[in-house]
Protein backbone atom coordinates (compact mmCIF):
# COMPACT_ATOMS: atom_id res chain seq x y z
CA UNK A 1 121.69 121.36 86.09
CA UNK A 2 121.52 123.91 88.98
CA UNK A 3 120.82 122.34 92.14
CA UNK A 4 117.69 122.81 94.52
CA UNK A 5 119.69 124.75 96.89
CA UNK A 6 121.09 126.89 94.13
CA UNK A 7 117.73 127.56 92.61
CA UNK A 8 116.14 128.83 95.90
CA UNK A 9 118.38 131.66 95.60
CA UNK A 10 117.24 132.76 92.07
CA UNK A 11 114.74 136.13 91.31
CA UNK A 12 111.63 135.93 89.47
CA UNK A 13 113.44 136.54 86.16
CA UNK A 14 115.82 134.22 86.61
CA UNK A 15 113.16 131.55 87.76
CA UNK A 16 111.36 132.26 84.44
CA UNK A 17 114.60 131.65 82.56
CA UNK A 18 115.09 128.47 84.24
CA UNK A 19 111.21 126.93 83.59
CA UNK A 20 111.75 128.16 79.78
CA UNK A 21 114.95 126.12 79.84
CA UNK A 22 113.54 122.98 81.14
CA UNK A 23 110.67 123.17 79.00
CA UNK A 24 113.09 123.25 76.06
CA UNK A 25 114.88 120.04 77.39
CA UNK A 26 112.03 118.48 78.09
CA UNK A 27 110.63 119.10 74.49
CA UNK A 28 114.07 117.75 73.38
CA UNK A 29 113.92 114.53 74.89
CA UNK A 30 110.27 113.11 73.98
CA UNK A 31 111.44 109.69 73.87
CA UNK A 32 112.22 109.71 77.63
CA UNK A 33 108.49 109.81 78.62
CA UNK A 34 109.55 111.26 81.77
CA UNK A 35 106.39 113.80 81.94
CA UNK A 36 103.05 113.29 81.26
CA UNK A 37 102.41 116.68 80.80
CA UNK A 38 104.21 119.88 81.83
CA UNK A 39 102.60 123.26 83.28
CA UNK A 40 103.82 125.66 85.95
CA UNK A 41 101.62 126.73 88.95
CA UNK A 42 102.96 129.77 90.41
CA UNK A 43 106.58 131.36 90.36
CA UNK A 44 108.18 129.35 92.46
CA UNK A 45 111.24 126.95 92.13
CA UNK A 46 109.84 124.62 89.75
CA UNK A 47 109.29 120.85 91.17
CA UNK A 48 108.01 117.86 89.03
CA UNK A 49 105.27 116.11 90.63
CA UNK A 50 104.32 112.44 90.59
CA UNK A 51 100.89 111.63 88.73
CA UNK A 52 99.30 110.39 91.96
CA UNK A 53 99.81 113.50 94.18
CA UNK A 54 97.00 115.93 93.97
CA UNK A 55 97.67 119.27 92.44
CA UNK A 56 94.46 121.77 92.31
CA UNK A 57 92.84 122.11 88.90
CA UNK A 58 95.28 119.53 87.52
CA UNK A 59 94.37 116.36 85.84
CA UNK A 60 95.64 113.71 88.13
CA UNK A 61 95.48 109.84 87.15
CA UNK A 62 97.87 107.98 88.98
CA UNK A 63 98.97 106.65 85.43
CA UNK A 64 95.63 105.03 84.88
CA UNK A 65 93.27 104.86 82.40
CA UNK A 66 90.28 104.72 84.94
CA UNK A 67 90.92 108.29 86.23
CA UNK A 68 90.99 109.94 82.68
CA UNK A 69 88.87 113.17 83.13
CA UNK A 70 89.53 113.59 86.56
CA UNK A 71 90.57 117.22 87.81
CA UNK A 72 91.84 117.36 91.21
CA UNK A 73 89.75 119.96 93.47
CA UNK A 74 91.99 120.36 95.97
CA UNK A 75 95.88 120.57 96.90
CA UNK A 76 97.63 117.63 98.56
CA UNK A 77 99.17 119.00 101.57
CA UNK A 78 102.74 118.58 100.38
CA UNK A 79 102.06 120.70 97.53
CA UNK A 80 100.68 123.56 99.76
CA UNK A 81 104.03 123.43 101.96
CA UNK A 82 105.88 123.49 98.64
CA UNK A 83 104.17 126.86 97.93
CA UNK A 84 104.51 128.27 101.27
CA UNK A 85 108.59 127.58 100.76
CA UNK A 86 108.44 129.33 97.53
CA UNK A 87 108.46 126.24 95.08
CA UNK A 88 105.95 125.25 92.67
CA UNK A 89 104.35 122.31 90.96
CA UNK A 90 105.91 121.96 87.18
CA UNK A 91 104.51 119.10 85.43
CA UNK A 92 103.13 115.74 86.19
CA UNK A 93 105.70 112.65 85.92
CA UNK A 94 104.74 109.21 84.46
CA UNK A 95 104.49 106.53 87.04
CA UNK A 96 103.07 102.59 87.14
CA UNK A 97 99.64 102.58 87.32
CA UNK A 98 98.32 103.13 90.99
CA UNK A 99 101.96 102.66 91.79
CA UNK A 100 101.97 99.00 91.29
CA UNK A 101 104.92 97.84 89.43
CA UNK A 102 108.56 98.27 89.59
CA UNK A 103 109.54 99.24 86.01
CA UNK A 104 106.85 102.35 84.95
CA UNK A 105 105.89 99.86 82.21
CA UNK A 106 102.22 99.64 83.73
CA UNK A 107 101.66 103.26 82.92
CA UNK A 108 98.55 104.03 80.92
CA UNK A 109 100.85 106.76 79.03
CA UNK A 110 103.59 103.97 78.09
CA UNK A 111 106.65 103.12 79.67
CA UNK A 112 109.42 105.66 80.57
CA UNK A 113 113.17 105.19 79.51
CA UNK A 114 116.40 104.96 81.69
CA UNK A 115 118.03 108.20 80.90
CA UNK A 116 121.26 106.16 81.10
CA UNK A 117 120.09 103.40 78.51
CA UNK A 118 117.40 103.73 76.21
CA UNK A 119 116.48 99.97 76.35
CA UNK A 120 116.52 99.81 80.20
CA UNK A 121 113.62 100.38 82.66
CA UNK A 122 113.80 103.53 84.83
CA UNK A 123 112.45 101.49 87.69
CA UNK A 124 109.14 102.30 89.48
CA UNK A 125 106.70 103.06 90.34
CA UNK A 126 108.10 106.69 90.57
CA UNK A 127 109.89 105.97 87.61
CA UNK A 128 108.82 109.29 85.81
CA UNK A 129 110.00 111.45 88.64
CA UNK A 130 113.72 109.30 88.73
CA UNK A 131 114.01 109.54 85.00
CA UNK A 132 113.67 113.30 84.77
CA UNK A 133 115.88 114.31 87.54
CA UNK A 134 118.57 111.72 86.42
CA UNK A 135 118.29 113.11 82.70
CA UNK A 136 118.68 116.74 83.92
CA UNK A 137 115.03 117.66 82.82
CA UNK A 138 113.85 118.39 86.54
CA UNK A 139 115.77 120.02 89.38
CA UNK A 140 113.96 117.69 91.73
CA UNK A 141 110.67 115.80 92.16
CA UNK A 142 108.24 114.21 94.48
CA UNK A 143 107.71 110.59 94.43
CA UNK A 144 105.69 108.08 96.58
CA UNK A 145 107.10 105.01 98.10
CA UNK A 146 105.15 101.88 99.23
CA UNK A 147 107.69 98.87 98.81
CA UNK A 148 110.77 101.11 97.56
CA UNK A 149 109.23 103.04 94.71
CA UNK A 150 111.22 106.01 95.62
CA UNK A 151 114.58 104.30 96.16
CA UNK A 152 114.68 101.57 93.58
CA UNK A 153 113.94 104.16 90.63
CA UNK A 154 116.53 106.54 92.12
CA UNK A 155 119.44 103.97 92.31
CA UNK A 156 118.43 102.86 88.59
CA UNK A 157 118.54 106.28 87.74
CA UNK A 158 121.72 107.55 89.59
CA UNK A 159 120.07 110.17 91.87
CA UNK A 160 119.04 110.53 95.50
CA UNK A 161 115.82 108.99 96.66
CA UNK A 162 114.68 109.40 100.42
CA UNK A 163 111.96 107.49 101.90
CA UNK A 164 110.90 109.58 105.20
CA UNK A 165 109.55 107.48 108.54
CA UNK A 166 105.76 106.48 107.88
CA UNK A 167 103.81 109.73 109.33
CA UNK A 168 106.75 111.99 108.91
CA UNK A 169 105.14 113.44 105.67
CA UNK A 170 101.36 114.06 105.10
CA UNK A 171 99.41 111.69 103.10
CA UNK A 172 96.72 113.67 102.42
CA UNK A 173 96.24 114.17 98.76
CA UNK A 174 98.06 111.12 97.72
CA UNK A 175 96.28 108.57 95.76
CA UNK A 176 96.60 105.39 98.30
CA UNK A 177 98.16 102.18 97.28
CA UNK A 178 98.66 100.56 100.39
CA UNK A 179 97.52 103.11 103.29
CA UNK A 180 99.78 101.82 106.25
CA UNK A 181 102.96 101.56 103.83
CA UNK A 182 102.69 104.85 101.49
CA UNK A 183 105.07 107.73 101.88
CA UNK A 184 105.63 110.92 99.93
CA UNK A 185 109.54 111.71 99.73
CA UNK A 186 111.81 114.08 97.61
CA UNK A 187 113.67 112.71 94.45
CA UNK A 188 117.00 114.94 93.86
CA UNK A 189 120.43 115.44 92.66
CA UNK A 190 122.15 115.11 95.74
CA UNK A 191 121.68 114.64 99.49
CA UNK A 192 121.88 118.16 100.79
CA UNK A 193 119.06 118.84 98.16
CA UNK A 194 117.14 115.81 99.44
CA UNK A 195 117.37 117.06 103.03
CA UNK A 196 116.01 120.38 101.73
CA UNK A 197 113.06 118.98 100.19
CA UNK A 198 112.39 116.74 102.92
CA UNK A 199 112.27 119.75 105.43
CA UNK A 200 110.02 121.74 103.15
CA UNK A 201 107.35 118.67 102.83
CA UNK A 202 107.52 117.10 106.28
CA UNK A 203 105.62 118.29 109.53
CA UNK A 204 102.62 117.78 111.12
CA UNK A 205 99.08 117.65 109.50
CA UNK A 206 95.59 117.64 111.17
CA UNK A 207 94.28 116.25 107.65
CA UNK A 208 96.20 112.89 108.03
CA UNK A 209 95.13 110.81 111.09
CA UNK A 210 98.23 108.95 110.49
CA UNK A 211 100.78 111.82 110.55
CA UNK A 212 103.32 111.99 113.45
CA UNK A 213 102.52 115.64 114.39
CA UNK A 214 106.68 116.07 114.12
CA UNK A 215 108.03 119.51 113.03
CA UNK A 216 111.59 119.28 113.58
CA UNK A 217 113.98 120.01 110.82
CA UNK A 218 117.36 118.36 109.66
CA UNK A 219 118.88 121.04 107.46
CA UNK A 220 120.05 123.37 110.37
CA UNK A 221 121.82 120.37 112.17
CA UNK A 222 123.50 118.72 109.17
CA UNK A 223 126.93 117.37 109.86
CA UNK A 224 128.56 115.03 107.82
CA UNK A 225 131.55 114.73 110.06
CA UNK A 226 129.61 112.55 112.91
CA UNK A 227 130.97 109.27 113.40
CA UNK A 228 128.27 106.59 112.98
CA UNK A 229 128.02 102.83 113.61
CA UNK A 230 127.19 101.27 110.65
CA UNK A 231 125.89 97.72 110.27
CA UNK A 232 126.34 95.69 107.14
CA UNK A 233 124.88 92.71 105.83
CA UNK A 234 127.27 90.11 104.17
CA UNK A 235 124.60 87.24 104.16
CA UNK A 236 121.98 89.47 103.03
CA UNK A 237 123.66 90.10 99.86
CA UNK A 238 124.62 86.82 98.74
CA UNK A 239 122.01 86.77 96.09
CA UNK A 240 122.69 89.90 94.38
CA UNK A 241 124.52 90.61 91.39
CA UNK A 242 128.42 91.00 91.46
CA UNK A 243 127.65 94.98 90.54
CA UNK A 244 125.76 95.45 93.83
CA UNK A 245 128.40 93.52 95.72
CA UNK A 246 131.19 95.54 94.37
CA UNK A 247 129.17 99.04 95.09
CA UNK A 248 128.49 97.40 98.68
CA UNK A 249 132.48 96.63 99.00
CA UNK A 250 133.20 100.19 97.76
CA UNK A 251 130.65 101.73 100.18
CA UNK A 252 131.94 99.86 103.35
CA UNK A 253 135.76 100.98 102.21
CA UNK A 254 134.14 104.67 102.04
CA UNK A 255 132.57 104.50 105.13
CA UNK A 256 135.79 103.00 106.94
CA UNK A 257 137.82 105.79 105.38
CA UNK A 258 135.79 108.37 106.77
CA UNK A 259 136.17 106.91 110.56
CA UNK A 260 132.76 105.27 110.98
CA UNK A 261 132.53 101.88 112.92
CA UNK A 262 131.51 98.72 110.47
CA UNK A 263 129.49 96.26 112.60
CA UNK A 264 128.52 93.16 110.99
CA UNK A 265 124.48 92.06 111.52
CA UNK A 266 122.27 89.16 110.31
CA UNK A 267 118.76 89.84 109.12
CA UNK A 268 116.46 86.91 108.43
CA UNK A 269 115.57 85.66 104.86
CA UNK A 270 114.03 88.15 102.82
CA UNK A 271 111.53 85.75 101.41
CA UNK A 272 109.70 86.68 104.44
CA UNK A 273 109.77 90.24 103.72
CA UNK A 274 108.24 89.65 100.26
CA UNK A 275 105.27 87.31 101.43
CA UNK A 276 104.04 89.90 104.32
CA UNK A 277 104.53 92.78 102.12
CA UNK A 278 102.49 91.60 98.82
CA UNK A 279 99.74 89.89 101.29
CA UNK A 280 99.47 93.35 103.03
CA UNK A 281 99.90 95.83 100.30
CA UNK A 282 97.01 93.79 98.03
CA UNK A 283 94.92 93.68 101.00
CA UNK A 284 94.70 97.34 101.36
CA UNK A 285 94.97 98.09 97.47
CA UNK A 286 91.65 96.04 97.05
CA UNK A 287 90.15 98.12 99.67
CA UNK A 288 91.40 101.57 98.48
CA UNK A 289 90.67 100.78 95.16
CA UNK A 290 87.09 100.00 95.65
CA UNK A 291 86.23 103.52 95.16
CA UNK A 292 87.18 103.57 91.44
CA UNK A 293 83.44 102.26 90.23
CA UNK A 294 82.75 105.10 87.64
CA UNK A 295 80.14 107.00 89.39
CA UNK A 296 81.85 109.26 91.58
CA UNK A 297 84.52 110.41 89.45
CA UNK A 298 86.74 109.48 86.68
CA UNK A 299 86.09 107.31 83.66
CA UNK A 300 82.50 105.46 83.32
CA UNK A 301 81.79 102.66 80.80
CA UNK A 302 77.91 102.59 81.12
CA UNK A 303 76.31 99.01 81.28
CA UNK A 304 72.46 97.96 81.04
CA UNK A 305 72.39 97.86 85.06
CA UNK A 306 74.47 99.41 88.01
CA UNK A 307 76.59 96.02 88.36
CA UNK A 308 77.11 95.96 84.76
CA UNK A 309 78.51 99.30 85.08
CA UNK A 310 80.78 98.81 87.94
CA UNK A 311 81.98 95.67 85.91
CA UNK A 312 82.50 97.35 82.48
CA UNK A 313 84.29 100.55 84.07
CA UNK A 314 86.73 98.45 86.15
CA UNK A 315 87.16 95.87 83.52
CA UNK A 316 88.46 98.41 80.68
CA UNK A 317 89.64 101.30 83.22
CA UNK A 318 92.34 98.94 85.24
CA UNK A 319 95.28 97.62 83.54
CA UNK A 320 96.30 93.71 84.00
CA UNK A 321 98.68 94.58 87.34
CA UNK A 322 96.19 96.40 88.83
CA UNK A 323 93.50 93.58 88.40
CA UNK A 324 96.14 91.13 89.49
CA UNK A 325 96.64 92.59 92.87
CA UNK A 326 92.88 93.54 93.34
CA UNK A 327 92.23 89.84 92.86
CA UNK A 328 94.90 88.71 95.18
CA UNK A 329 94.09 91.29 97.88
CA UNK A 330 90.32 90.36 97.99
CA UNK A 331 91.61 86.46 98.13
CA UNK A 332 93.44 86.93 101.29
CA UNK A 333 90.88 88.96 102.99
CA UNK A 334 87.95 86.69 101.96
CA UNK A 335 86.34 84.52 104.55
CA UNK A 336 88.33 81.19 105.21
CA UNK A 337 91.52 82.82 104.07
CA UNK A 338 91.83 85.94 106.09
CA UNK A 339 93.46 83.90 109.26
CA UNK A 340 95.51 82.05 107.25
CA UNK A 341 97.30 84.65 105.15
CA UNK A 342 96.25 88.43 106.15
CA UNK A 343 96.79 87.92 110.20
CA UNK A 344 100.08 85.56 109.61
CA UNK A 345 101.30 88.55 107.21
CA UNK A 346 100.52 91.19 110.44
CA UNK A 347 102.62 88.92 112.97
CA UNK A 348 105.42 88.86 110.48
CA UNK A 349 105.51 92.31 110.05
CA UNK A 350 105.67 92.79 113.72
CA UNK A 351 108.84 90.30 113.64
CA UNK A 352 110.60 92.47 111.03
CA UNK A 353 109.87 95.72 112.96
CA UNK A 354 111.48 93.76 116.08
CA UNK A 355 114.34 92.57 114.28
CA UNK A 356 115.15 96.43 113.06
CA UNK A 357 114.43 97.61 116.39
CA UNK A 358 116.94 95.09 117.95
CA UNK A 359 119.78 95.59 115.30
CA UNK A 360 119.45 99.48 116.12
CA UNK A 361 120.24 98.90 119.74
CA UNK A 362 123.81 98.57 118.57
CA UNK A 363 124.13 100.63 115.48
CA UNK A 364 122.97 104.01 113.85
CA UNK A 365 122.36 102.88 110.42
CA UNK A 366 122.21 99.84 108.41
CA UNK A 367 124.11 99.68 104.84
CA UNK A 368 121.92 97.56 102.39
CA UNK A 369 121.51 96.97 98.58
CA UNK A 370 118.22 98.57 96.95
CA UNK A 371 117.83 95.91 94.09
CA UNK A 372 119.71 92.76 93.07
CA UNK A 373 120.94 94.04 89.88
CA UNK A 374 121.41 97.45 87.99
CA UNK A 375 118.31 98.55 85.80
CA UNK A 376 117.00 95.68 83.83
CA UNK A 377 116.15 95.80 80.27
CA UNK A 378 112.63 96.25 79.01
CA UNK A 379 111.00 92.92 79.28
CA UNK A 380 113.13 91.25 81.70
CA UNK A 381 110.67 91.42 84.30
CA UNK A 382 107.59 90.42 82.68
CA UNK A 383 106.82 87.74 84.94
CA UNK A 384 105.06 89.10 87.58
CA UNK A 385 107.08 87.24 90.12
CA UNK A 386 110.25 88.50 88.67
CA UNK A 387 109.19 92.00 89.46
CA UNK A 388 107.90 91.26 92.94
CA UNK A 389 111.37 89.69 93.77
CA UNK A 390 113.24 92.55 92.61
CA UNK A 391 111.80 94.54 95.69
CA UNK A 392 113.39 92.06 97.88
CA UNK A 393 115.58 94.76 99.59
CA UNK A 394 113.42 97.80 99.83
CA UNK A 395 109.97 96.33 101.19
CA UNK A 396 111.02 95.57 104.78
CA UNK A 397 111.71 99.29 105.66
CA UNK A 398 108.26 100.29 104.63
CA UNK A 399 106.76 97.43 106.29
CA UNK A 400 108.74 98.64 109.77
CA UNK A 401 107.90 102.13 108.80
CA UNK A 402 111.63 103.45 109.01
CA UNK A 403 113.46 106.37 106.89
CA UNK A 404 116.05 105.25 104.25
CA UNK A 405 117.75 106.93 101.58
CA UNK A 406 119.12 105.56 98.19
CA UNK A 407 122.31 107.19 96.73
CA UNK A 408 124.45 106.41 93.70
CA UNK A 409 127.73 104.74 94.48
CA UNK A 410 129.43 103.85 91.21
CA UNK A 411 128.58 103.08 87.54
CA UNK A 412 128.96 99.32 86.28
CA UNK A 413 131.10 98.64 83.23
CA UNK A 414 128.22 99.46 80.95
CA UNK A 415 127.86 102.78 82.58
CA UNK A 416 124.64 101.97 84.46
CA UNK A 417 124.30 103.48 88.22
CA UNK A 418 124.63 101.28 91.11
CA UNK A 419 122.92 102.72 94.48
CA UNK A 420 122.58 101.50 97.82
CA UNK A 421 120.82 102.47 100.61
CA UNK A 422 121.35 103.79 104.47
CA UNK A 423 118.47 102.64 106.80
CA UNK A 424 117.83 104.64 110.28
CA UNK A 425 115.55 103.85 113.21
CA UNK A 426 112.10 105.49 112.96
CA UNK A 427 112.33 109.42 113.31
CA UNK A 428 116.04 109.57 113.08
CA UNK A 429 116.21 111.41 109.68
CA UNK A 430 118.97 113.45 111.10
CA UNK A 431 121.35 110.48 111.37
CA UNK A 432 119.95 109.21 108.09
CA UNK A 433 121.17 112.44 106.33
CA UNK A 434 124.04 112.86 108.14
CA UNK A 435 125.37 109.43 107.48
CA UNK A 436 124.46 110.00 103.54
CA UNK A 437 126.30 113.09 103.29
CA UNK A 438 129.36 111.40 104.34
CA UNK A 439 128.94 108.49 102.11
CA UNK A 440 128.29 110.48 99.41
CA UNK A 441 131.26 112.70 99.98
CA UNK A 442 133.55 109.61 100.22
CA UNK A 443 132.49 107.55 97.15
CA UNK A 444 132.68 111.07 94.99
CA UNK A 445 130.21 109.39 92.54
CA UNK A 446 130.08 110.86 88.96
CA UNK A 447 126.95 111.27 87.21
């Protein structure tokens, strides 16, 4: 598959041929179910778009029944930035409903397959984007990451997935799950492509009040020869599978051979991350999803009165996982439980951020697992608690608002990719990409 860097050099006729080739490849793999639909917007380099990012005049549904019939009236800021740079949206990719899930099984459109094994999940919630890039039916894609939803499917599908610092990329036009955690990011074939796409979509935006208003770029300064201090977390990975431990050991050896300094660090039990994340995320989700009532947009199921219309619309429109998280969110925000749960979660979130800041006083990057295992088989995470625990290594990054990048390290004995992530201090994307380029070259992963 042609890389994004190469595609940006193509002329108009070559781009048309490329799009036709992609459409043929997509048609040849319908069972993958990575795309909800395929359409081209403009003459630019085709980029797959997750189904929760607004593209004007496209149906955008966040993988949900409740938004069937909704047509986006405007472009998200990232779409405007893509078009300004000579790229164009090319189809909607499948996702867990409202980005709530780790397997892409909760989508209204059915599950997406992992491109490396049809009986395994592609990860979630950006599973469609990851599977499309991993299968070679997309040059690159955009995903969104609330608690690992770019990095985890990237690791499962053997591609690169990058979550920017919170506020680096505008959230204007992104269907909200948890507003203080969500970030749009690139999903690509390699680290350099991720840096190119990151530079294109990042930057200031007056339409987003949480935007950091920073416009510095990383590509002009990429340097894989920088020697960095990289923290490793031996105790943190004790509960990971042997595949992940083997990949971790391989990555450490590769980093050392490239001249980086390895420094052992410790982090507090990740059970606190899980608790703080799911309390925070579900509370914000319950609030954000209150707007889907069948009155202003999307699907409506009529009732005898207004209250019954609300009830019918939301009961039939939302899937089970979304309902579960709305219920949990309303519970932790309710009178009598707000102080006991939500306030404590915010205090824990502050502790997590402080812990990262302390580690970054001594190091430039942290090497961490992305998930405890390789991509599980369909049905293995049917228990919601098992699915929540699968996010154990990614969610603290979102709670602290940090940038992180997942890249493939090796394949296990069954041919499944094993990915790890590098984590950087806030707004230090330059070091993140420099270190990631070095690790990518050192491990020499073969797709």
